[in-house]
Protein backbone atom coordinates (compact mmCIF):
# COMPACT_ATOMS: atom_id res chain seq x y z
CA UNK A 1 18.48 -47.50 1.75
CA UNK A 2 16.41 -50.21 0.05
CA UNK A 3 12.65 -50.34 -0.33
CA UNK A 4 12.69 -52.81 2.52
CA UNK A 5 14.65 -50.39 4.73
CA UNK A 6 12.36 -47.53 3.81
CA UNK A 7 9.26 -49.52 4.64
CA UNK A 8 10.79 -50.54 7.94
CA UNK A 9 11.51 -46.92 8.77
CA UNK A 10 8.01 -45.90 7.79
CA UNK A 11 6.68 -48.51 10.15
CA UNK A 12 8.12 -46.47 13.03
CA UNK A 13 5.83 -43.58 13.88
CA UNK A 14 8.48 -40.91 14.44
CA UNK A 15 10.39 -41.82 11.30
CA UNK A 16 7.20 -41.84 9.27
CA UNK A 17 6.39 -38.32 10.40
CA UNK A 18 9.88 -37.19 9.58
CA UNK A 19 9.72 -38.58 6.05
CA UNK A 20 6.30 -37.07 5.56
CA UNK A 21 7.58 -33.67 6.53
CA UNK A 22 10.30 -33.70 3.91
CA UNK A 23 7.94 -34.02 0.94
CA UNK A 24 8.54 -35.96 -2.28
CA UNK A 25 11.58 -33.94 -3.22
CA UNK A 26 13.09 -34.60 0.17
CA UNK A 27 12.72 -38.35 -0.17
CA UNK A 28 14.20 -38.35 -3.66
CA UNK A 29 17.08 -36.15 -2.56
CA UNK A 30 17.85 -38.14 0.54
CA UNK A 31 17.68 -41.42 -1.29
CA UNK A 32 19.90 -40.09 -4.03
CA UNK A 33 22.57 -38.92 -1.60
CA UNK A 34 22.53 -42.24 0.19
CA UNK A 35 22.56 -44.54 -2.76
CA UNK A 36 24.14 -42.90 -5.75
CA UNK A 37 27.57 -43.90 -6.86
CA UNK A 38 29.73 -41.00 -8.06
CA UNK A 39 27.88 -39.43 -10.94
CA UNK A 40 30.33 -37.19 -12.68
CA UNK A 41 32.31 -39.77 -14.64
CA UNK A 42 31.09 -40.04 -18.18
CA UNK A 43 31.10 -43.80 -18.24
CA UNK A 44 29.59 -44.49 -14.85
CA UNK A 45 25.92 -44.37 -15.67
CA UNK A 46 26.54 -45.53 -19.20
CA UNK A 47 28.14 -48.83 -18.35
CA UNK A 48 27.36 -49.36 -14.69
CA UNK A 49 31.07 -49.55 -13.95
CA UNK A 50 31.66 -48.93 -10.29
CA UNK A 51 28.07 -49.57 -9.28
CA UNK A 52 27.48 -51.51 -6.10
CA UNK A 53 25.38 -54.63 -5.98
CA UNK A 54 22.06 -54.39 -7.74
CA UNK A 55 22.07 -50.59 -8.09
CA UNK A 56 23.13 -48.87 -11.29
CA UNK A 57 23.59 -45.07 -11.27
CA UNK A 58 20.80 -43.12 -12.94
CA UNK A 59 22.79 -39.90 -13.41
CA UNK A 60 25.74 -39.48 -15.74
CA UNK A 61 26.93 -38.09 -19.05
CA UNK A 62 25.02 -40.76 -20.98
CA UNK A 63 21.73 -42.42 -20.11
CA UNK A 64 22.07 -45.83 -18.52
CA UNK A 65 20.60 -48.73 -20.46
CA UNK A 66 22.54 -48.13 -23.67
CA UNK A 67 26.11 -49.21 -22.99
CA UNK A 68 25.01 -51.02 -19.82
CA UNK A 69 25.46 -54.81 -20.02
CA UNK A 70 22.03 -56.24 -20.85
CA UNK A 71 19.87 -57.17 -17.89
CA UNK A 72 17.63 -60.24 -17.89
CA UNK A 73 14.35 -58.57 -18.85
CA UNK A 74 12.99 -55.62 -20.75
CA UNK A 75 9.65 -53.81 -20.73
CA UNK A 76 9.47 -51.32 -23.56
CA UNK A 77 6.71 -48.70 -23.70
CA UNK A 78 5.77 -46.05 -26.24
CA UNK A 79 3.72 -43.06 -25.10
CA UNK A 80 1.69 -40.46 -26.98
CA UNK A 81 1.54 -36.98 -25.52
CA UNK A 82 -1.77 -35.39 -24.57
CA UNK A 83 -0.15 -32.38 -22.91
CA UNK A 84 -1.43 -29.00 -24.00
CA UNK A 85 1.83 -27.05 -23.78
CA UNK A 86 5.59 -27.36 -23.74
CA UNK A 87 5.50 -26.39 -20.07
CA UNK A 88 3.43 -29.49 -19.30
CA UNK A 89 5.85 -31.65 -21.27
CA UNK A 90 8.77 -30.18 -19.37
CA UNK A 91 7.02 -30.81 -16.06
CA UNK A 92 6.35 -34.41 -17.08
CA UNK A 93 10.03 -35.06 -17.78
CA UNK A 94 11.03 -33.40 -14.51
CA UNK A 95 8.71 -35.60 -12.47
CA UNK A 96 9.65 -38.70 -14.49
CA UNK A 97 13.32 -37.96 -13.80
CA UNK A 98 12.81 -37.81 -10.04
CA UNK A 99 10.68 -40.97 -10.03
CA UNK A 100 13.12 -42.85 -12.27
CA UNK A 101 16.09 -41.91 -10.13
CA UNK A 102 14.23 -43.26 -7.10
CA UNK A 103 13.06 -46.47 -8.75
CA UNK A 104 16.45 -47.36 -10.18
CA UNK A 105 17.86 -47.12 -6.69
CA UNK A 106 15.14 -49.13 -5.04
CA UNK A 107 13.26 -46.45 -3.14
CA UNK A 108 9.54 -45.81 -2.97
CA UNK A 109 8.03 -42.96 -4.94
CA UNK A 110 6.51 -40.08 -3.01
CA UNK A 111 5.54 -39.56 0.62
CA UNK A 112 1.99 -40.85 0.68
CA UNK A 113 2.64 -44.54 1.13
CA UNK A 114 1.54 -44.80 4.75
CA UNK A 115 -1.54 -42.61 4.83
CA UNK A 116 -4.78 -44.57 5.16
CA UNK A 117 -6.74 -41.62 3.82
CA UNK A 118 -4.90 -41.28 0.50
CA UNK A 119 -4.08 -43.55 -2.44
CA UNK A 120 -0.43 -44.62 -2.05
CA UNK A 121 1.95 -42.61 -4.19
CA UNK A 122 3.82 -45.80 -5.08
CA UNK A 123 1.91 -48.82 -6.39
CA UNK A 124 3.91 -51.02 -4.03
CA UNK A 125 4.55 -54.20 -6.00
CA UNK A 126 8.31 -53.63 -5.89
CA UNK A 127 8.39 -53.01 -2.13
CA UNK A 128 11.06 -55.16 -0.53
CA UNK A 129 12.55 -56.19 -3.86
CA UNK A 130 16.08 -55.60 -5.01
CA UNK A 131 16.62 -52.67 -7.42
CA UNK A 132 17.65 -55.47 -9.83
CA UNK A 133 20.05 -53.27 -11.83
CA UNK A 134 17.12 -51.35 -13.26
CA UNK A 135 17.81 -48.80 -15.98
CA UNK A 136 15.24 -46.45 -17.50
CA UNK A 137 16.11 -44.89 -20.85
CA UNK A 138 14.07 -42.13 -22.49
CA UNK A 139 13.83 -41.03 -26.13
CA UNK A 140 11.51 -39.00 -28.35
CA UNK A 141 10.16 -40.02 -31.74
CA UNK A 142 9.73 -38.03 -34.96
CA UNK A 143 6.12 -37.16 -34.06
CA UNK A 144 7.36 -35.32 -30.96
CA UNK A 145 8.48 -32.55 -33.31
CA UNK A 146 5.27 -32.27 -35.34
CA UNK A 147 4.53 -28.69 -34.35
CA UNK A 148 2.36 -29.13 -31.26
CA UNK A 149 5.07 -27.81 -28.95
CA UNK A 150 7.07 -25.44 -31.15
CA UNK A 151 10.02 -27.82 -31.49
CA UNK A 152 9.93 -28.47 -35.23
CA UNK A 153 13.12 -26.52 -35.87
CA UNK A 154 15.01 -28.70 -33.40
CA UNK A 155 14.17 -32.02 -35.04
CA UNK A 156 17.30 -33.93 -36.06
CA UNK A 157 17.40 -34.53 -39.81
CA UNK A 158 18.25 -38.18 -39.19
CA UNK A 159 15.19 -38.72 -36.97
CA UNK A 160 12.61 -39.93 -39.48
CA UNK A 161 10.22 -42.86 -39.46
CA UNK A 162 12.00 -45.79 -41.06
CA UNK A 163 11.32 -46.39 -44.75
CA UNK A 164 9.34 -49.45 -45.85
CA UNK A 165 11.71 -52.39 -46.05
CA UNK A 166 11.15 -55.47 -48.14
CA UNK A 167 9.20 -58.08 -46.24
CA UNK A 168 7.74 -55.66 -43.69
CA UNK A 169 4.26 -56.55 -42.44
CA UNK A 170 3.99 -53.77 -39.88
CA UNK A 171 1.01 -53.64 -37.56
CA UNK A 172 -0.05 -50.24 -36.18
CA UNK A 173 -0.31 -51.57 -32.63
CA UNK A 174 3.47 -52.13 -32.59
CA UNK A 175 4.61 -48.92 -34.27
CA UNK A 176 5.55 -45.32 -33.49
CA UNK A 177 5.13 -43.14 -30.42
CA UNK A 178 5.95 -39.62 -29.27
CA UNK A 179 8.12 -40.98 -26.45
CA UNK A 180 9.89 -44.30 -26.05
CA UNK A 181 10.87 -45.68 -22.64
CA UNK A 182 13.11 -48.72 -22.30
CA UNK A 183 13.09 -50.29 -18.85
CA UNK A 184 15.55 -53.13 -18.27
CA UNK A 185 15.99 -55.04 -15.01
CA UNK A 186 16.93 -58.41 -13.65
CA UNK A 187 13.38 -58.85 -12.33
CA UNK A 188 10.26 -58.47 -14.48
CA UNK A 189 8.07 -57.32 -11.59
CA UNK A 190 10.50 -54.50 -10.86
CA UNK A 191 10.47 -53.53 -14.55
CA UNK A 192 6.67 -53.61 -14.64
CA UNK A 193 6.54 -51.44 -11.53
CA UNK A 194 8.61 -48.79 -13.30
CA UNK A 195 6.42 -48.57 -16.41
CA UNK A 196 3.24 -48.72 -14.36
CA UNK A 197 4.29 -45.80 -12.18
CA UNK A 198 5.59 -43.72 -15.07
CA UNK A 199 2.19 -44.24 -16.69
CA UNK A 200 0.37 -43.16 -13.53
CA UNK A 201 2.54 -40.07 -13.21
CA UNK A 202 1.86 -39.16 -16.85
CA UNK A 203 -1.90 -39.03 -16.39
CA UNK A 204 -3.28 -35.98 -18.20
CA UNK A 205 -0.03 -35.42 -20.07
CA UNK A 206 0.68 -38.69 -21.90
CA UNK A 207 -0.95 -42.08 -22.52
CA UNK A 208 0.44 -45.47 -23.37
CA UNK A 209 0.48 -46.28 -27.09
CA UNK A 210 1.96 -49.78 -26.91
CA UNK A 211 4.12 -51.97 -24.71
CA UNK A 212 6.01 -55.19 -25.18
CA UNK A 213 8.04 -57.42 -22.89
CA UNK A 214 11.22 -59.31 -23.58
CA UNK A 215 13.64 -61.72 -21.98
CA UNK A 216 16.93 -63.46 -22.47
CA UNK A 217 18.89 -66.09 -20.59
CA UNK A 218 19.20 -64.87 -17.04
CA UNK A 219 22.45 -64.01 -15.36
CA UNK A 220 21.73 -66.88 -12.98
CA UNK A 221 21.45 -69.37 -15.84
CA UNK A 222 24.64 -68.16 -17.52
CA UNK A 223 27.12 -67.01 -14.93
CA UNK A 224 29.82 -66.60 -17.60
CA UNK A 225 27.83 -63.84 -19.29
CA UNK A 226 28.24 -65.30 -22.76
CA UNK A 227 26.64 -63.70 -25.80
CA UNK A 228 22.87 -64.37 -25.52
CA UNK A 229 21.16 -66.73 -27.95
CA UNK A 230 17.98 -65.85 -29.79
CA UNK A 231 15.01 -68.20 -30.11
CA UNK A 232 16.57 -69.73 -33.22
CA UNK A 233 19.43 -70.94 -31.04
CA UNK A 234 22.11 -68.63 -32.43
CA UNK A 235 24.19 -66.04 -30.60
CA UNK A 236 23.00 -62.45 -31.06
CA UNK A 237 25.34 -59.48 -30.59
CA UNK A 238 28.75 -61.00 -31.29
CA UNK A 239 29.72 -58.13 -33.61
CA UNK A 240 28.87 -55.37 -31.12
CA UNK A 241 31.46 -52.65 -30.50
CA UNK A 242 33.39 -52.79 -27.24
CA UNK A 243 31.25 -50.69 -24.89
CA UNK A 244 34.26 -50.02 -22.66
CA UNK A 245 36.13 -48.43 -25.58
CA UNK A 246 35.06 -44.80 -25.55
CA UNK A 247 36.59 -44.17 -28.98
CA UNK A 248 34.45 -46.94 -30.52
CA UNK A 249 31.38 -45.71 -28.69
CA UNK A 250 31.88 -42.18 -29.97
CA UNK A 251 32.25 -43.49 -33.48
CA UNK A 252 29.30 -45.92 -33.44
CA UNK A 253 26.85 -44.95 -30.68
CA UNK A 254 27.14 -41.47 -29.16
CA UNK A 255 25.83 -38.47 -31.06
CA UNK A 256 28.07 -35.42 -31.15
CA UNK A 257 27.44 -31.68 -31.31
CA UNK A 258 29.45 -31.83 -34.53
CA UNK A 259 26.56 -33.79 -36.07
CA UNK A 260 24.55 -30.57 -36.17
CA UNK A 261 22.16 -31.23 -33.27
CA UNK A 262 23.82 -29.81 -30.13
CA UNK A 263 21.04 -30.94 -27.78
CA UNK A 264 21.76 -34.59 -28.73
CA UNK A 265 25.47 -34.49 -27.81
CA UNK A 266 26.05 -37.57 -25.68
CA UNK A 267 22.74 -39.12 -26.67
CA UNK A 268 22.04 -41.87 -29.19
CA UNK A 269 19.41 -42.96 -31.70
CA UNK A 270 17.40 -46.06 -30.84
CA UNK A 271 15.75 -48.36 -33.38
CA UNK A 272 13.04 -50.76 -32.18
CA UNK A 273 11.83 -53.59 -34.44
CA UNK A 274 9.44 -56.36 -33.44
CA UNK A 275 10.48 -59.36 -35.52
CA UNK A 276 8.32 -62.45 -35.48
CA UNK A 277 10.14 -65.72 -36.08
CA UNK A 278 8.49 -68.56 -37.96
CA UNK A 279 9.87 -70.97 -35.42
CA UNK A 280 7.79 -73.92 -36.64
CA UNK A 281 9.36 -73.62 -40.10
CA UNK A 282 12.81 -73.01 -38.66
CA UNK A 283 12.58 -76.09 -36.47
CA UNK A 284 12.09 -78.25 -39.58
CA UNK A 285 15.20 -76.97 -41.36
CA UNK A 286 18.50 -78.82 -41.15
CA UNK A 287 21.37 -77.62 -39.01
CA UNK A 288 23.41 -77.12 -42.17
CA UNK A 289 20.75 -74.84 -43.62
CA UNK A 290 20.40 -72.97 -40.32
CA UNK A 291 24.15 -72.32 -40.16
CA UNK A 292 24.25 -71.25 -43.80
CA UNK A 293 21.40 -68.82 -43.01
CA UNK A 294 23.25 -67.12 -40.19
CA UNK A 295 26.77 -67.63 -41.57
CA UNK A 296 27.86 -68.94 -38.19
CA UNK A 297 28.17 -72.28 -36.44
CA UNK A 298 25.32 -72.67 -34.00
CA UNK A 299 27.23 -74.23 -31.11
CA UNK A 300 30.32 -72.02 -30.99
CA UNK A 301 28.98 -68.90 -32.67
CA UNK A 302 32.12 -68.89 -34.83
CA UNK A 303 31.93 -67.71 -38.43
CA UNK A 304 31.54 -70.72 -40.75
CA UNK A 305 34.99 -72.18 -41.34
CA UNK A 306 36.35 -70.85 -38.03
CA UNK A 307 36.53 -72.29 -34.56
CA UNK A 308 35.80 -69.50 -32.09
CA UNK A 309 33.00 -66.94 -31.76
CA UNK A 310 35.21 -63.88 -32.06
CA UNK A 311 37.51 -65.17 -34.79
CA UNK A 312 38.08 -62.68 -37.59
CA UNK A 313 35.32 -62.76 -40.20
CA UNK A 314 36.59 -63.20 -43.77
CA UNK A 315 33.63 -62.98 -46.14
CA UNK A 316 35.95 -63.30 -49.15
CA UNK A 317 37.39 -66.67 -48.18
CA UNK A 318 36.65 -69.41 -50.75
CA UNK A 319 36.46 -73.17 -50.38
CA UNK A 320 38.21 -75.71 -52.63
CA UNK A 321 35.45 -75.29 -55.22
CA UNK A 322 35.78 -71.53 -55.32
CA UNK A 323 32.57 -70.87 -53.44
CA UNK A 324 32.40 -68.45 -50.49
CA UNK A 325 32.92 -70.28 -47.20
CA UNK A 326 30.40 -67.89 -45.61
CA UNK A 327 27.39 -67.74 -47.98
CA UNK A 328 27.08 -64.31 -49.56
CA UNK A 329 23.37 -64.15 -48.71
CA UNK A 330 23.87 -65.16 -45.09
CA UNK A 331 22.88 -62.76 -42.32
CA UNK A 332 26.50 -62.41 -41.21
CA UNK A 333 27.89 -61.60 -44.66
CA UNK A 334 25.23 -59.00 -45.44
CA UNK A 335 25.14 -57.34 -42.02
CA UNK A 336 28.93 -57.09 -41.93
CA UNK A 337 29.44 -55.92 -45.51
CA UNK A 338 32.85 -54.29 -45.73
CA UNK A 339 32.89 -53.74 -41.99
CA UNK A 340 32.29 -50.00 -42.18
CA UNK A 341 28.71 -50.05 -40.85
CA UNK A 342 28.30 -50.89 -37.18
CA UNK A 343 25.54 -50.63 -34.61
CA UNK A 344 25.16 -51.58 -30.95
CA UNK A 345 22.57 -54.34 -30.70
CA UNK A 346 20.68 -54.69 -27.42
CA UNK A 347 17.95 -57.14 -28.31
CA UNK A 348 15.69 -59.46 -26.33
CA UNK A 349 13.49 -62.40 -27.21
CA UNK A 350 9.74 -62.12 -26.82
CA UNK A 351 6.85 -64.57 -26.60
CA UNK A 352 3.22 -63.50 -26.82
CA UNK A 353 1.75 -66.96 -26.61
CA UNK A 354 -0.34 -68.57 -29.32
CA UNK A 355 -1.48 -66.84 -32.49
CA UNK A 356 -5.07 -68.11 -32.62
CA UNK A 357 -5.36 -67.23 -36.31
CA UNK A 358 -2.58 -69.61 -37.30
CA UNK A 359 -2.21 -71.93 -34.34
CA UNK A 360 1.48 -71.03 -34.24
CA UNK A 361 3.64 -69.38 -31.62
CA UNK A 362 3.83 -65.60 -31.69
CA UNK A 363 7.47 -65.39 -30.67
CA UNK A 364 10.59 -63.73 -31.93
CA UNK A 365 13.02 -60.92 -31.39
CA UNK A 366 12.50 -57.48 -29.90
CA UNK A 367 15.36 -56.00 -31.87
CA UNK A 368 16.79 -52.86 -30.34
CA UNK A 369 19.92 -51.11 -31.52
CA UNK A 370 21.64 -47.81 -30.81
CA UNK A 371 23.60 -45.86 -33.35
CA UNK A 372 25.02 -42.39 -33.84
CA UNK A 373 23.12 -41.73 -37.08
CA UNK A 374 20.32 -44.07 -38.11
CA UNK A 375 20.24 -42.76 -41.67
CA UNK A 376 23.90 -43.67 -42.15
CA UNK A 377 24.08 -46.87 -40.12
CA UNK A 378 20.92 -48.89 -39.48
CA UNK A 379 18.94 -47.91 -42.58
CA UNK A 380 21.55 -48.87 -45.19
CA UNK A 381 22.29 -52.07 -43.30
CA UNK A 382 18.62 -53.06 -43.05
CA UNK A 383 17.94 -52.08 -46.65
CA UNK A 384 20.49 -54.63 -47.81
CA UNK A 385 19.28 -57.27 -45.38
CA UNK A 386 15.65 -56.81 -46.41
CA UNK A 387 16.49 -57.50 -50.04
CA UNK A 388 18.88 -60.44 -49.84
CA UNK A 389 19.08 -61.93 -46.36
CA UNK A 390 18.51 -65.70 -46.37
CA UNK A 391 17.03 -65.23 -42.91
CA UNK A 392 13.99 -63.45 -44.39
CA UNK A 393 12.47 -66.85 -45.17
CA UNK A 394 12.02 -67.37 -41.46
CA UNK A 395 11.11 -63.93 -40.10
CA UNK A 396 8.70 -61.05 -40.60
CA UNK A 397 8.97 -57.53 -39.17
CA UNK A 398 5.70 -56.56 -37.46
CA UNK A 399 6.69 -53.50 -35.41
CA UNK A 400 8.88 -50.45 -35.93
CA UNK A 401 9.83 -47.25 -34.12
CA UNK A 402 12.74 -44.85 -33.80
CA UNK A 403 13.64 -42.50 -30.97
CA UNK A 404 16.27 -39.89 -30.23
CA UNK A 405 17.52 -40.81 -26.77
CA UNK A 406 18.61 -37.80 -24.77
CA UNK A 407 22.07 -37.40 -23.30
CA UNK A 408 22.42 -38.22 -19.63
CA UNK A 409 21.52 -35.86 -16.83
CA UNK A 410 23.26 -34.62 -13.70
CA UNK A 411 21.65 -34.55 -10.27
CA UNK A 412 19.43 -31.50 -10.04
CA UNK A 413 18.67 -31.59 -13.75
CA UNK A 414 16.11 -33.56 -15.72
CA UNK A 415 15.98 -35.84 -18.72
CA UNK A 416 15.47 -33.83 -21.90
CA UNK A 417 16.63 -30.51 -20.47
CA UNK A 418 19.02 -29.94 -23.38
CA UNK A 419 15.97 -29.85 -25.69
CA UNK A 420 13.19 -28.52 -23.49
């Protein structure tokens, strides 16, 4: 049942009365039964495997939006809690879960969408639109455990604000948050609808702290689904682990009860960095310098000295003069290191128009990655990059946040129930 179908039904008097009699929970439950793909397989919600059309399952062992192939657009939002008790926080996540399950499957929120005497329970801008493979992924930041709700003892030791890295020029308006919500979809209006309604539902319990939008080449523009290119023209995400390989995902992405935080088993840690690119400077550099900066050929994405994007990277290979074929200070050489540190990148480009202070474009990368333990994976990798990466000449990090993303949830449960 799509939004269009639901609206058509609600246009019929008898059907409208029937829906109204079932209440919000009835609508959510009915929609879920009609639309959900099987939800018990661990990989179903995580990867979208087996989903039909434009609908991705909301329920599953892992939250969707992590191992899911990247959609065309992202709208990321950080919230600060204003709730007075843990009970209010729990209620918020329960209502968010029901609303998110409905929105990801293309149904309207609530029962009051046809009553002239009440504000509609759904804002309506996604009515009639495809679900657009929407995923909604929730996490909590370090400040969530600051003592307001009696959860300090449950804070993962690896969930700390990131240390100051060399070259950071962080701006408070792009940093932190008690709760992080990543909405991805193949339609920006559908993604906006999700964040807007989550914000409305949160009234009195949480407020928006910051939001940012992102994009990449659309699935319509690249039907082969090649690795996306960033705004510098280079492919981004070539070194990602195989998301269909559960062993790799357990090693790199999924937290385990053995890590010492049982409530995070099946979850993952998300790092968000807003990285502005000095595109005007970049555009004046030669192709040779650009390729030496990334350590890859721009056109093919292959490591320098190789032909294909996924050719084996050999950072120790020397040319006839004894110099490294892949520059030692290139982004590829430093990020790869000895190959022991890996993360799952899920980044998007962003553009915020013109920076009136400089007359230059405010554009760059909304870097998002997932890893099993940020203190052992992302932080050591970024520490090295921040000190030596040739790319630093062309970028500056302006935003930063980390979140512990909950494991997935089964129908009848709610996001965060393993903690709350």
